[in-house]
Amino acid sequence: RGCFVAMTLALVSQSAGFVPTFCARRLPACASGRLHVCSTAAVHTRMAVAAGGKSRLLKAIKKPLGTIAIMAEIKRRDPATPDLEFPIPSIQELSQSLNTAKVQSIAVWTDYQEYGTSTDDLQQVVAAQQKFKGNFPGPAPVLMLSKAVSCDDIKAAASAGAAGVLLSESLSAEELTAHVKACQHEGLEAVVVCRDNEHAQMALGAGAQVLALDTKFLGVDASIALSHCGQDAQVLIALGGIKTLEDAWKLRDAGFGCIVVGEEFLAAAYGRAGEVRQGGGKDGLNAAVCKGDTIRQNDLNTFIKALGAKASVKFGPTGVNSFREMGANNKRHYVVE
């Protein structure tokens, strides 16, 4: 109801030959119980996506050939690595640190039982990004990650401020088409998970512009062998499983436009359990075990920069840990066995 009023005002103002300047309005809570923020920009984004234009997410991750966009994946744990957890004391601080590190986009898992993060965390990430409006880089668009998404979840994602939604490969062709249309209606980018060529063709047939090969499940080399599946997509994403800089560079050279990095980026930011942070410089050596509660911005910056570097697979450093050791000023890192 409130969005309809905003859309009507936007259309009337366009026809009158001027750009509306009214501010974002807080509208009544939607069915999910969350407030929906509707602004002129949001209205225009919805209209553009519905007309087949680019969403905020697509604009952020579509890069020139030979370069790759970095999407940071936020989660506190992962069922694939049950022994590894990242407490993330402040979601807002991490969100702002990612913008400082110049990631192109952010992804947040909302399956709390499995990943320890929720839609509330996604909202906090989005809110923290608004601090960067008018800056360069501006706010990073946020992709909602979930293993099972309904049309109601898509509406909730839009209400939370997400720019896109991950859609499962388990959906039927009919369900997938309905979900893609629901995303377009809400002004969101539908990112469809694929594990083979059949999934990819079904996603493209449903109207999806962005495909994500499940590199964490398939492996990097197997995903590269399937990269031709995404040749007709606007962007092909590598969804997780990136362990080294060489993985990122190989995926880039194979035609992937974006990589989703979770565990290794969190390790760069907070440190792994048992890792020692050793300061150097004029103050000498002062080693301390990382507790996972302090963001090491310098390490995070250099890690993100290295992933997106136009580097040689043959001659560049291949280990993420080795890069962190070489790239952080006046710091050395090693793991206590």
C-alpha atoms as a PDB file:
ATOM      1  CA  ARG A   1       0.000   0.000   0.000  1.00  0.00           C
ATOM      2  CA  GLY A   2       2.728   2.461   1.013  1.00  0.00           C
ATOM      3  CA  CYS A   3       4.919   1.375  -1.928  1.00  0.00           C
ATOM      4  CA  PHE A   4       1.989   1.952  -4.314  1.00  0.00           C
ATOM      5  CA  VAL A   5       1.746   5.557  -3.081  1.00  0.00           C
ATOM      6  CA  ALA A   6       5.498   6.048  -3.533  1.00  0.00           C
ATOM      7  CA  MET A   7       5.408   4.540  -7.034  1.00  0.00           C
ATOM      8  CA  THR A   8       2.491   6.800  -8.015  1.00  0.00           C
ATOM      9  CA  LEU A   9       4.323   9.894  -6.751  1.00  0.00           C
ATOM     10  CA  ALA A  10       7.466   8.870  -8.631  1.00  0.00           C
ATOM     11  CA  LEU A  11       5.571   8.392 -11.891  1.00  0.00           C
ATOM     12  CA  VAL A  12       3.682  11.688 -11.522  1.00  0.00           C
ATOM     13  CA  SER A  13       6.894  13.567 -10.764  1.00  0.00           C
ATOM     14  CA  GLN A  14       8.614  12.047 -13.800  1.00  0.00           C
ATOM     15  CA  SER A  15       5.794  13.088 -16.085  1.00  0.00           C
ATOM     16  CA  ALA A  16       6.009  16.612 -14.665  1.00  0.00           C
ATOM     17  CA  GLY A  17       9.664  16.785 -15.638  1.00  0.00           C
ATOM     18  CA  PHE A  18      11.382  16.855 -12.260  1.00  0.00           C
ATOM     19  CA  VAL A  19      13.011  14.356  -9.931  1.00  0.00           C
ATOM     20  CA  PRO A  20      11.234  13.800  -6.605  1.00  0.00           C
ATOM     21  CA  THR A  21      13.192  14.748  -3.514  1.00  0.00           C
ATOM     22  CA  PHE A  22      11.035  13.341  -0.769  1.00  0.00           C
ATOM     23  CA  CYS A  23      12.857  11.214   1.751  1.00  0.00           C
ATOM     24  CA  ALA A  24      12.510   7.528   2.499  1.00  0.00           C
ATOM     25  CA  ARG A  25       9.403   6.762   4.536  1.00  0.00           C
ATOM     26  CA  ARG A  26       8.960   4.247   7.283  1.00  0.00           C
ATOM     27  CA  LEU A  27       5.928   2.223   6.310  1.00  0.00           C
ATOM     28  CA  PRO A  28       3.781  -0.081   8.441  1.00  0.00           C
ATOM     29  CA  ALA A  29       5.194  -3.483   9.243  1.00  0.00           C
ATOM     30  CA  CYS A  30       4.666  -6.111   6.571  1.00  0.00           C
ATOM     31  CA  ALA A  31       3.237  -9.568   7.175  1.00  0.00           C
ATOM     32  CA  SER A  32       6.626 -10.783   8.423  1.00  0.00           C
ATOM     33  CA  GLY A  33       6.550  -8.188  11.199  1.00  0.00           C
ATOM     34  CA  ARG A  34       9.506  -6.202   9.829  1.00  0.00           C
ATOM     35  CA  LEU A  35       9.432  -2.611   8.726  1.00  0.00           C
ATOM     36  CA  HIS A  36       9.607  -1.967   5.000  1.00  0.00           C
ATOM     37  CA  VAL A  37      11.634   1.009   3.851  1.00  0.00           C
ATOM     38  CA  CYS A  38      10.433   2.435   0.544  1.00  0.00           C
ATOM     39  CA  SER A  39      12.316   5.275  -1.120  1.00  0.00           C
ATOM     40  CA  THR A  40      12.355   6.848  -4.552  1.00  0.00           C
ATOM     41  CA  ALA A  41      15.506   4.873  -5.403  1.00  0.00           C
ATOM     42  CA  ALA A  42      13.868   1.613  -4.320  1.00  0.00           C
ATOM     43  CA  VAL A  43      10.817   2.358  -6.455  1.00  0.00           C
ATOM     44  CA  HIS A  44      12.936   3.050  -9.528  1.00  0.00           C
ATOM     45  CA  THR A  45      14.981  -0.108  -8.888  1.00  0.00           C
ATOM     46  CA  ARG A  46      11.848  -2.247  -8.768  1.00  0.00           C
ATOM     47  CA  MET A  47      10.531  -0.696 -11.963  1.00  0.00           C
ATOM     48  CA  ALA A  48      13.877  -1.158 -13.730  1.00  0.00           C
ATOM     49  CA  VAL A  49      14.257  -4.815 -12.712  1.00  0.00           C
ATOM     50  CA  ALA A  50      10.648  -5.574 -13.632  1.00  0.00           C
ATOM     51  CA  ALA A  51      11.383  -4.101 -17.070  1.00  0.00           C
ATOM     52  CA  GLY A  52      14.432  -6.325 -17.509  1.00  0.00           C
ATOM     53  CA  GLY A  53      17.029  -3.797 -16.333  1.00  0.00           C
ATOM     54  CA  LYS A  54      19.971  -4.305 -13.983  1.00  0.00           C
ATOM     55  CA  SER A  55      19.475  -4.652 -10.253  1.00  0.00           C
ATOM     56  CA  ARG A  56      21.822  -3.117  -7.675  1.00  0.00           C
ATOM     57  CA  LEU A  57      23.447  -6.501  -7.191  1.00  0.00           C
ATOM     58  CA  LEU A  58      23.993  -7.136 -10.882  1.00  0.00           C
ATOM     59  CA  LYS A  59      25.521  -3.688 -11.363  1.00  0.00           C
ATOM     60  CA  ALA A  60      27.942  -4.367  -8.502  1.00  0.00           C
ATOM     61  CA  ILE A  61      29.165  -7.805  -9.571  1.00  0.00           C
ATOM     62  CA  LYS A  62      29.214  -7.482 -13.369  1.00  0.00           C
ATOM     63  CA  LYS A  63      32.827  -6.653 -14.140  1.00  0.00           C
ATOM     64  CA  PRO A  64      34.885  -6.406 -17.360  1.00  0.00           C
ATOM     65  CA  LEU A  65      36.273  -9.648 -18.748  1.00  0.00           C
ATOM     66  CA  GLY A  66      39.477 -10.663 -16.975  1.00  0.00           C
ATOM     67  CA  THR A  67      38.461  -9.193 -13.616  1.00  0.00           C
ATOM     68  CA  ILE A  68      36.414 -10.667 -10.816  1.00  0.00           C
ATOM     69  CA  ALA A  69      34.051  -9.317  -8.154  1.00  0.00           C
ATOM     70  CA  ILE A  70      34.416 -10.381  -4.518  1.00  0.00           C
ATOM     71  CA  MET A  71      31.348 -11.275  -2.458  1.00  0.00           C
ATOM     72  CA  ALA A  72      32.042 -11.745   1.258  1.00  0.00           C
ATOM     73  CA  GLU A  73      29.938 -14.485   2.874  1.00  0.00           C
ATOM     74  CA  ILE A  74      28.887 -13.808   6.470  1.00  0.00           C
ATOM     75  CA  LYS A  75      28.134 -16.730   8.791  1.00  0.00           C
ATOM     76  CA  ARG A  76      29.136 -17.710  12.306  1.00  0.00           C
ATOM     77  CA  ARG A  77      29.478 -21.404  11.556  1.00  0.00           C
ATOM     78  CA  ASP A  78      29.081 -23.892   8.712  1.00  0.00           C
ATOM     79  CA  PRO A  79      27.691 -27.450   8.833  1.00  0.00           C
ATOM     80  CA  ALA A  80      30.495 -28.510   6.480  1.00  0.00           C
ATOM     81  CA  THR A  81      33.144 -27.500   9.058  1.00  0.00           C
ATOM     82  CA  PRO A  82      31.505 -28.066  12.468  1.00  0.00           C
ATOM     83  CA  ASP A  83      34.726 -27.520  14.421  1.00  0.00           C
ATOM     84  CA  LEU A  84      35.207 -23.989  13.094  1.00  0.00           C
ATOM     85  CA  GLU A  85      33.224 -21.037  14.468  1.00  0.00           C
ATOM     86  CA  PHE A  86      33.556 -17.268  14.195  1.00  0.00           C
ATOM     87  CA  PRO A  87      31.782 -15.395  17.004  1.00  0.00           C
ATOM     88  CA  ILE A  88      31.540 -12.066  15.061  1.00  0.00           C
ATOM     89  CA  PRO A  89      30.931  -9.802  18.091  1.00  0.00           C
ATOM     90  CA  SER A  90      29.584  -6.940  15.960  1.00  0.00           C
ATOM     91  CA  ILE A  91      27.849  -7.540  12.627  1.00  0.00           C
ATOM     92  CA  GLN A  92      27.732  -3.781  12.007  1.00  0.00           C
ATOM     93  CA  GLU A  93      31.485  -3.404  12.507  1.00  0.00           C
ATOM     94  CA  LEU A  94      32.202  -6.317  10.167  1.00  0.00           C
ATOM     95  CA  SER A  95      29.863  -4.887   7.538  1.00  0.00           C
ATOM     96  CA  GLN A  96      31.630  -1.532   7.630  1.00  0.00           C
ATOM     97  CA  SER A  97      35.055  -3.205   7.551  1.00  0.00           C
ATOM     98  CA  LEU A  98      34.058  -5.049   4.387  1.00  0.00           C
ATOM     99  CA  ASN A  99      33.209  -1.771   2.706  1.00  0.00           C
ATOM    100  CA  THR A 100      36.582  -0.390   3.769  1.00  0.00           C
ATOM    101  CA  ALA A 101      38.187  -3.488   2.224  1.00  0.00           C
ATOM    102  CA  LYS A 102      36.285  -2.678  -1.010  1.00  0.00           C
ATOM    103  CA  VAL A 103      34.306  -5.872  -1.499  1.00  0.00           C
ATOM    104  CA  GLN A 104      31.772  -5.507  -4.304  1.00  0.00           C
ATOM    105  CA  SER A 105      28.933  -7.234  -2.424  1.00  0.00           C
ATOM    106  CA  ILE A 106      28.061  -9.139   0.746  1.00  0.00           C
ATOM    107  CA  ALA A 107      26.121 -12.380   1.261  1.00  0.00           C
ATOM    108  CA  VAL A 108      24.436 -13.330   4.550  1.00  0.00           C
ATOM    109  CA  TRP A 109      23.088 -16.760   5.487  1.00  0.00           C
ATOM    110  CA  THR A 110      19.691 -16.589   7.178  1.00  0.00           C
ATOM    111  CA  ASP A 111      19.416 -20.272   8.199  1.00  0.00           C
ATOM    112  CA  TYR A 112      20.224 -19.673  11.862  1.00  0.00           C
ATOM    113  CA  GLN A 113      20.296 -23.299  13.042  1.00  0.00           C
ATOM    114  CA  GLU A 114      22.968 -24.229  10.497  1.00  0.00           C
ATOM    115  CA  TYR A 115      24.931 -21.015   9.981  1.00  0.00           C
ATOM    116  CA  GLY A 116      24.371 -18.997  13.151  1.00  0.00           C
ATOM    117  CA  THR A 117      23.139 -15.897  11.295  1.00  0.00           C
ATOM    118  CA  SER A 118      19.604 -14.739  10.591  1.00  0.00           C
ATOM    119  CA  THR A 119      17.474 -12.187   8.757  1.00  0.00           C
ATOM    120  CA  ASP A 120      18.110  -9.827  11.679  1.00  0.00           C
ATOM    121  CA  ASP A 121      21.849 -10.049  10.942  1.00  0.00           C
ATOM    122  CA  LEU A 122      21.127  -9.338   7.271  1.00  0.00           C
ATOM    123  CA  GLN A 123      19.183  -6.220   8.281  1.00  0.00           C
ATOM    124  CA  GLN A 124      22.114  -5.063  10.418  1.00  0.00           C
ATOM    125  CA  VAL A 125      24.531  -5.573   7.522  1.00  0.00           C
ATOM    126  CA  VAL A 126      22.273  -3.540   5.220  1.00  0.00           C
ATOM    127  CA  ALA A 127      21.832  -0.784   7.819  1.00  0.00           C
ATOM    128  CA  ALA A 128      25.590  -0.532   8.389  1.00  0.00           C
ATOM    129  CA  GLN A 129      26.166  -0.148   4.653  1.00  0.00           C
ATOM    130  CA  GLN A 130      23.928   2.927   4.533  1.00  0.00           C
ATOM    131  CA  LYS A 131      26.715   4.841   6.266  1.00  0.00           C
ATOM    132  CA  PHE A 132      28.535   4.846   2.929  1.00  0.00           C
ATOM    133  CA  LYS A 133      25.817   6.530   0.858  1.00  0.00           C
ATOM    134  CA  GLY A 134      27.382   9.263  -1.238  1.00  0.00           C
ATOM    135  CA  ASN A 135      30.858   7.760  -0.816  1.00  0.00           C
ATOM    136  CA  PHE A 136      33.035   5.721  -3.145  1.00  0.00           C
ATOM    137  CA  PRO A 137      32.624   2.855  -2.835  1.00  0.00           C
ATOM    138  CA  GLY A 138      29.008   3.284  -1.834  1.00  0.00           C
ATOM    139  CA  PRO A 139      26.872   0.769   0.076  1.00  0.00           C
ATOM    140  CA  ALA A 140      27.606  -2.832  -0.929  1.00  0.00           C
ATOM    141  CA  PRO A 141      24.459  -4.699  -2.050  1.00  0.00           C
ATOM    142  CA  VAL A 142      23.522  -7.701   0.098  1.00  0.00           C
ATOM    143  CA  LEU A 143      22.489 -11.155  -1.141  1.00  0.00           C
ATOM    144  CA  MET A 144      20.276 -13.297   1.098  1.00  0.00           C
ATOM    145  CA  LEU A 145      21.470 -16.897   1.313  1.00  0.00           C
ATOM    146  CA  SER A 146      19.143 -19.707   2.380  1.00  0.00           C
ATOM    147  CA  LYS A 147      18.799 -23.360   1.466  1.00  0.00           C
ATOM    148  CA  ALA A 148      15.019 -23.086   1.103  1.00  0.00           C
ATOM    149  CA  VAL A 149      13.267 -19.907  -0.030  1.00  0.00           C
ATOM    150  CA  SER A 150       9.533 -19.310  -0.464  1.00  0.00           C
ATOM    151  CA  CYS A 151       7.798 -16.378  -2.129  1.00  0.00           C
ATOM    152  CA  ASP A 152       7.073 -15.029   1.366  1.00  0.00           C
ATOM    153  CA  ASP A 153      10.801 -15.229   2.143  1.00  0.00           C
ATOM    154  CA  ILE A 154      11.493 -13.172  -0.997  1.00  0.00           C
ATOM    155  CA  LYS A 155       9.147 -10.453   0.262  1.00  0.00           C
ATOM    156  CA  ALA A 156      10.846 -10.580   3.670  1.00  0.00           C
ATOM    157  CA  ALA A 157      14.260 -10.248   1.992  1.00  0.00           C
ATOM    158  CA  ALA A 158      13.080  -7.129   0.179  1.00  0.00           C
ATOM    159  CA  SER A 159      11.706  -5.741   3.452  1.00  0.00           C
ATOM    160  CA  ALA A 160      15.083  -6.376   5.113  1.00  0.00           C
ATOM    161  CA  GLY A 161      16.853  -4.383   2.389  1.00  0.00           C
ATOM    162  CA  ALA A 162      18.458  -7.253   0.460  1.00  0.00           C
ATOM    163  CA  ALA A 163      19.408  -6.709  -3.184  1.00  0.00           C
ATOM    164  CA  GLY A 164      19.147 -10.349  -4.218  1.00  0.00           C
ATOM    165  CA  VAL A 165      18.067 -13.829  -3.150  1.00  0.00           C
ATOM    166  CA  LEU A 166      19.744 -17.202  -3.661  1.00  0.00           C
ATOM    167  CA  LEU A 167      17.348 -19.767  -5.168  1.00  0.00           C
ATOM    168  CA  SER A 168      17.921 -23.493  -4.659  1.00  0.00           C
ATOM    169  CA  GLU A 169      18.643 -25.998  -7.416  1.00  0.00           C
ATOM    170  CA  SER A 170      15.988 -28.251  -5.877  1.00  0.00           C
ATOM    171  CA  LEU A 171      13.119 -26.117  -7.204  1.00  0.00           C
ATOM    172  CA  SER A 172      11.048 -27.485 -10.084  1.00  0.00           C
ATOM    173  CA  ALA A 173      10.921 -25.524 -13.347  1.00  0.00           C
ATOM    174  CA  GLU A 174       7.493 -24.162 -12.459  1.00  0.00           C
ATOM    175  CA  GLU A 175       8.540 -23.179  -8.930  1.00  0.00           C
ATOM    176  CA  LEU A 176      11.745 -21.587 -10.174  1.00  0.00           C
ATOM    177  CA  THR A 177       9.892 -19.464 -12.730  1.00  0.00           C
ATOM    178  CA  ALA A 178       7.488 -18.274 -10.024  1.00  0.00           C
ATOM    179  CA  HIS A 179      10.358 -17.439  -7.661  1.00  0.00           C
ATOM    180  CA  VAL A 180      12.304 -15.521 -10.320  1.00  0.00           C
ATOM    181  CA  LYS A 181       9.189 -13.485 -11.133  1.00  0.00           C
ATOM    182  CA  ALA A 182       8.651 -12.823  -7.423  1.00  0.00           C
ATOM    183  CA  CYS A 183      12.227 -11.528  -7.165  1.00  0.00           C
ATOM    184  CA  GLN A 184      11.748  -9.272 -10.180  1.00  0.00           C
ATOM    185  CA  HIS A 185       8.508  -7.931  -8.715  1.00  0.00           C
ATOM    186  CA  GLU A 186      10.358  -6.993  -5.512  1.00  0.00           C
ATOM    187  CA  GLY A 187      13.293  -5.448  -7.404  1.00  0.00           C
ATOM    188  CA  LEU A 188      15.665  -8.229  -6.321  1.00  0.00           C
ATOM    189  CA  GLU A 189      18.187 -10.193  -8.351  1.00  0.00           C
ATOM    190  CA  ALA A 190      17.439 -13.917  -8.495  1.00  0.00           C
ATOM    191  CA  VAL A 191      20.698 -15.886  -8.167  1.00  0.00           C
ATOM    192  CA  VAL A 192      20.074 -19.525  -9.029  1.00  0.00           C
ATOM    193  CA  VAL A 193      22.292 -22.337  -7.748  1.00  0.00           C
ATOM    194  CA  CYS A 194      23.331 -24.849 -10.426  1.00  0.00           C
ATOM    195  CA  ARG A 195      25.218 -28.120 -10.242  1.00  0.00           C
ATOM    196  CA  ASP A 196      25.056 -29.204 -13.880  1.00  0.00           C
ATOM    197  CA  ASN A 197      24.116 -27.986 -17.361  1.00  0.00           C
ATOM    198  CA  GLU A 198      20.492 -29.093 -16.964  1.00  0.00           C
ATOM    199  CA  HIS A 199      20.056 -26.872 -13.898  1.00  0.00           C
ATOM    200  CA  ALA A 200      21.727 -23.981 -15.710  1.00  0.00           C
ATOM    201  CA  GLN A 201      19.453 -24.211 -18.746  1.00  0.00           C
ATOM    202  CA  MET A 202      16.373 -24.449 -16.528  1.00  0.00           C
ATOM    203  CA  ALA A 203      17.464 -21.341 -14.630  1.00  0.00           C
ATOM    204  CA  LEU A 204      18.051 -19.364 -17.816  1.00  0.00           C
ATOM    205  CA  GLY A 205      14.696 -20.545 -19.158  1.00  0.00           C
ATOM    206  CA  ALA A 206      13.041 -19.263 -15.976  1.00  0.00           C
ATOM    207  CA  GLY A 207      14.428 -15.779 -16.642  1.00  0.00           C
ATOM    208  CA  ALA A 208      17.412 -15.759 -14.269  1.00  0.00           C
ATOM    209  CA  GLN A 209      20.314 -13.512 -15.273  1.00  0.00           C
ATOM    210  CA  VAL A 210      22.792 -14.649 -12.621  1.00  0.00           C
ATOM    211  CA  LEU A 211      23.836 -18.262 -12.104  1.00  0.00           C
ATOM    212  CA  ALA A 212      25.911 -19.659  -9.226  1.00  0.00           C
ATOM    213  CA  LEU A 213      27.822 -22.899  -9.658  1.00  0.00           C
ATOM    214  CA  ASP A 214      28.088 -24.674  -6.309  1.00  0.00           C
ATOM    215  CA  THR A 215      31.892 -24.759  -6.199  1.00  0.00           C
ATOM    216  CA  LYS A 216      31.886 -25.808  -2.552  1.00  0.00           C
ATOM    217  CA  PHE A 217      29.980 -28.978  -3.477  1.00  0.00           C
ATOM    218  CA  LEU A 218      31.522 -29.602  -6.903  1.00  0.00           C
ATOM    219  CA  GLY A 219      35.080 -28.451  -6.252  1.00  0.00           C
ATOM    220  CA  VAL A 220      36.931 -25.700  -8.112  1.00  0.00           C
ATOM    221  CA  ASP A 221      38.260 -27.837 -10.983  1.00  0.00           C
ATOM    222  CA  ALA A 222      34.897 -29.537 -11.627  1.00  0.00           C
ATOM    223  CA  SER A 223      33.191 -26.137 -11.595  1.00  0.00           C
ATOM    224  CA  ILE A 224      35.675 -24.765 -14.113  1.00  0.00           C
ATOM    225  CA  ALA A 225      34.870 -27.725 -16.369  1.00  0.00           C
ATOM    226  CA  LEU A 226      31.200 -26.682 -16.188  1.00  0.00           C
ATOM    227  CA  SER A 227      31.813 -22.952 -16.707  1.00  0.00           C
ATOM    228  CA  HIS A 228      30.382 -23.142 -20.239  1.00  0.00           C
ATOM    229  CA  CYS A 229      26.963 -23.629 -18.608  1.00  0.00           C
ATOM    230  CA  GLY A 230      26.944 -19.970 -17.668  1.00  0.00           C
ATOM    231  CA  GLN A 231      28.030 -18.482 -20.970  1.00  0.00           C
ATOM    232  CA  ASP A 232      24.540 -17.065 -21.599  1.00  0.00           C
ATOM    233  CA  ALA A 233      24.185 -15.602 -18.095  1.00  0.00           C
ATOM    234  CA  GLN A 234      24.986 -11.990 -17.250  1.00  0.00           C
ATOM    235  CA  VAL A 235      27.266 -13.185 -14.428  1.00  0.00           C
ATOM    236  CA  LEU A 236      28.493 -16.622 -13.368  1.00  0.00           C
ATOM    237  CA  ILE A 237      29.249 -16.892  -9.641  1.00  0.00           C
ATOM    238  CA  ALA A 238      31.506 -19.405  -7.893  1.00  0.00           C
ATOM    239  CA  LEU A 239      29.624 -20.211  -4.691  1.00  0.00           C
ATOM    240  CA  GLY A 240      32.178 -21.040  -1.986  1.00  0.00           C
ATOM    241  CA  GLY A 241      34.984 -23.560  -1.731  1.00  0.00           C
ATOM    242  CA  ILE A 242      37.751 -21.039  -2.532  1.00  0.00           C
ATOM    243  CA  LYS A 243      40.736 -21.978  -0.392  1.00  0.00           C
ATOM    244  CA  THR A 244      43.674 -20.273  -2.133  1.00  0.00           C
ATOM    245  CA  LEU A 245      44.429 -17.223  -4.216  1.00  0.00           C
ATOM    246  CA  GLU A 246      45.105 -19.551  -7.132  1.00  0.00           C
ATOM    247  CA  ASP A 247      41.523 -20.861  -6.886  1.00  0.00           C
ATOM    248  CA  ALA A 248      40.209 -17.320  -7.328  1.00  0.00           C
ATOM    249  CA  TRP A 249      42.506 -16.571 -10.239  1.00  0.00           C
ATOM    250  CA  LYS A 250      41.717 -19.856 -12.009  1.00  0.00           C
ATOM    251  CA  LEU A 251      37.991 -19.181 -11.697  1.00  0.00           C
ATOM    252  CA  ARG A 252      38.494 -15.669 -13.041  1.00  0.00           C
ATOM    253  CA  ASP A 253      40.441 -16.961 -16.040  1.00  0.00           C
ATOM    254  CA  ALA A 254      37.696 -19.548 -16.707  1.00  0.00           C
ATOM    255  CA  GLY A 255      35.054 -16.828 -17.095  1.00  0.00           C
ATOM    256  CA  PHE A 256      33.552 -16.572 -13.615  1.00  0.00           C
ATOM    257  CA  GLY A 257      32.581 -12.987 -12.855  1.00  0.00           C
ATOM    258  CA  CYS A 258      32.214 -13.234  -9.073  1.00  0.00           C
ATOM    259  CA  ILE A 259      33.440 -15.449  -6.237  1.00  0.00           C
ATOM    260  CA  VAL A 260      31.785 -15.968  -2.847  1.00  0.00           C
ATOM    261  CA  VAL A 261      34.392 -16.298  -0.093  1.00  0.00           C
ATOM    262  CA  GLY A 262      33.386 -17.148   3.478  1.00  0.00           C
ATOM    263  CA  GLU A 263      35.680 -19.145   5.733  1.00  0.00           C
ATOM    264  CA  GLU A 264      38.967 -17.759   4.396  1.00  0.00           C
ATOM    265  CA  PHE A 265      37.767 -14.157   4.505  1.00  0.00           C
ATOM    266  CA  LEU A 266      36.585 -14.603   8.108  1.00  0.00           C
ATOM    267  CA  ALA A 267      39.935 -16.172   8.969  1.00  0.00           C
ATOM    268  CA  ALA A 268      41.708 -13.168   7.453  1.00  0.00           C
ATOM    269  CA  ALA A 269      39.503 -10.814   9.455  1.00  0.00           C
ATOM    270  CA  TYR A 270      39.485 -12.526  12.860  1.00  0.00           C
ATOM    271  CA  GLY A 271      42.115 -15.264  12.799  1.00  0.00           C
ATOM    272  CA  ARG A 272      41.619 -18.983  13.254  1.00  0.00           C
ATOM    273  CA  ALA A 273      41.499 -20.816  16.555  1.00  0.00           C
ATOM    274  CA  GLY A 274      45.058 -21.276  17.816  1.00  0.00           C
ATOM    275  CA  GLU A 275      46.537 -18.711  15.459  1.00  0.00           C
ATOM    276  CA  VAL A 276      49.100 -16.372  16.942  1.00  0.00           C
ATOM    277  CA  ARG A 277      49.273 -12.705  16.025  1.00  0.00           C
ATOM    278  CA  GLN A 278      52.823 -11.492  16.365  1.00  0.00           C
ATOM    279  CA  GLY A 279      53.479  -7.749  16.231  1.00  0.00           C
ATOM    280  CA  GLY A 280      56.811  -6.407  15.062  1.00  0.00           C
ATOM    281  CA  GLY A 281      58.346  -3.027  14.288  1.00  0.00           C
ATOM    282  CA  LYS A 282      60.018  -0.712  16.795  1.00  0.00           C
ATOM    283  CA  ASP A 283      58.028  -2.171  19.686  1.00  0.00           C
ATOM    284  CA  GLY A 284      59.613  -5.568  19.142  1.00  0.00           C
ATOM    285  CA  LEU A 285      57.793  -8.883  19.157  1.00  0.00           C
ATOM    286  CA  ASN A 286      54.629  -9.246  21.182  1.00  0.00           C
ATOM    287  CA  ALA A 287      52.817 -12.464  20.367  1.00  0.00           C
ATOM    288  CA  ALA A 288      49.235 -13.195  21.415  1.00  0.00           C
ATOM    289  CA  VAL A 289      46.747 -15.904  20.511  1.00  0.00           C
ATOM    290  CA  CYS A 290      43.845 -14.610  18.436  1.00  0.00           C
ATOM    291  CA  LYS A 291      40.515 -14.773  20.259  1.00  0.00           C
ATOM    292  CA  GLY A 292      38.441 -14.081  17.166  1.00  0.00           C
ATOM    293  CA  ASP A 293      36.934 -10.879  18.557  1.00  0.00           C
ATOM    294  CA  THR A 294      39.042  -8.214  16.821  1.00  0.00           C
ATOM    295  CA  ILE A 295      39.004  -7.381  13.114  1.00  0.00           C
ATOM    296  CA  ARG A 296      42.470  -7.106  11.598  1.00  0.00           C
ATOM    297  CA  GLN A 297      41.604  -4.531   8.961  1.00  0.00           C
ATOM    298  CA  ASN A 298      45.037  -4.536   7.343  1.00  0.00           C
ATOM    299  CA  ASP A 299      44.926  -8.306   6.829  1.00  0.00           C
ATOM    300  CA  LEU A 300      41.369  -8.103   5.502  1.00  0.00           C
ATOM    301  CA  ASN A 301      42.265  -5.326   3.051  1.00  0.00           C
ATOM    302  CA  THR A 302      45.262  -7.150   1.623  1.00  0.00           C
ATOM    303  CA  PHE A 303      43.369 -10.452   1.394  1.00  0.00           C
ATOM    304  CA  ILE A 304      40.452  -8.952  -0.576  1.00  0.00           C
ATOM    305  CA  LYS A 305      42.857  -7.029  -2.808  1.00  0.00           C
ATOM    306  CA  ALA A 306      44.833 -10.188  -3.565  1.00  0.00           C
ATOM    307  CA  LEU A 307      41.723 -12.192  -4.506  1.00  0.00           C
ATOM    308  CA  GLY A 308      40.795  -9.610  -7.119  1.00  0.00           C
ATOM    309  CA  ALA A 309      44.332  -8.971  -8.352  1.00  0.00           C
ATOM    310  CA  LYS A 310      45.161  -9.364 -12.033  1.00  0.00           C
ATOM    311  CA  ALA A 311      47.828 -11.851 -11.047  1.00  0.00           C
ATOM    312  CA  SER A 312      49.477 -14.806 -12.703  1.00  0.00           C
ATOM    313  CA  VAL A 313      48.422 -18.284 -11.657  1.00  0.00           C
ATOM    314  CA  LYS A 314      51.882 -19.526 -12.541  1.00  0.00           C
ATOM    315  CA  PHE A 315      53.986 -17.023 -10.596  1.00  0.00           C
ATOM    316  CA  GLY A 316      51.749 -15.595  -7.855  1.00  0.00           C
ATOM    317  CA  PRO A 317      51.579 -16.902  -4.261  1.00  0.00           C
ATOM    318  CA  THR A 318      48.964 -19.652  -4.034  1.00  0.00           C
ATOM    319  CA  GLY A 319      48.309 -20.030  -0.308  1.00  0.00           C
ATOM    320  CA  VAL A 320      45.922 -17.671   1.456  1.00  0.00           C
ATOM    321  CA  ASN A 321      47.882 -18.026   4.682  1.00  0.00           C
ATOM    322  CA  SER A 322      51.185 -17.395   2.943  1.00  0.00           C
ATOM    323  CA  PHE A 323      49.776 -14.205   1.444  1.00  0.00           C
ATOM    324  CA  ARG A 324      48.510 -13.013   4.814  1.00  0.00           C
ATOM    325  CA  GLU A 325      51.978 -13.611   6.217  1.00  0.00           C
ATOM    326  CA  MET A 326      53.657 -11.613   3.455  1.00  0.00           C
ATOM    327  CA  GLY A 327      51.055  -8.905   3.016  1.00  0.00           C
ATOM    328  CA  ALA A 328      50.407  -7.633   6.535  1.00  0.00           C
ATOM    329  CA  ASN A 329      52.725  -4.825   7.580  1.00  0.00           C
ATOM    330  CA  ASN A 330      54.813  -5.526  10.677  1.00  0.00           C
ATOM    331  CA  LYS A 331      52.898  -8.693  11.490  1.00  0.00           C
ATOM    332  CA  ARG A 332      53.629 -12.382  11.203  1.00  0.00           C
ATOM    333  CA  HIS A 333      51.140 -15.178  11.614  1.00  0.00           C
ATOM    334  CA  TYR A 334      51.597 -18.817  12.391  1.00  0.00           C
ATOM    335  CA  VAL A 335      49.461 -21.591  13.818  1.00  0.00           C
ATOM    336  CA  VAL A 336      50.246 -23.410  17.031  1.00  0.00           C
ATOM    337  CA  GLU A 337      49.996 -27.126  16.326  1.00  0.00           C
END
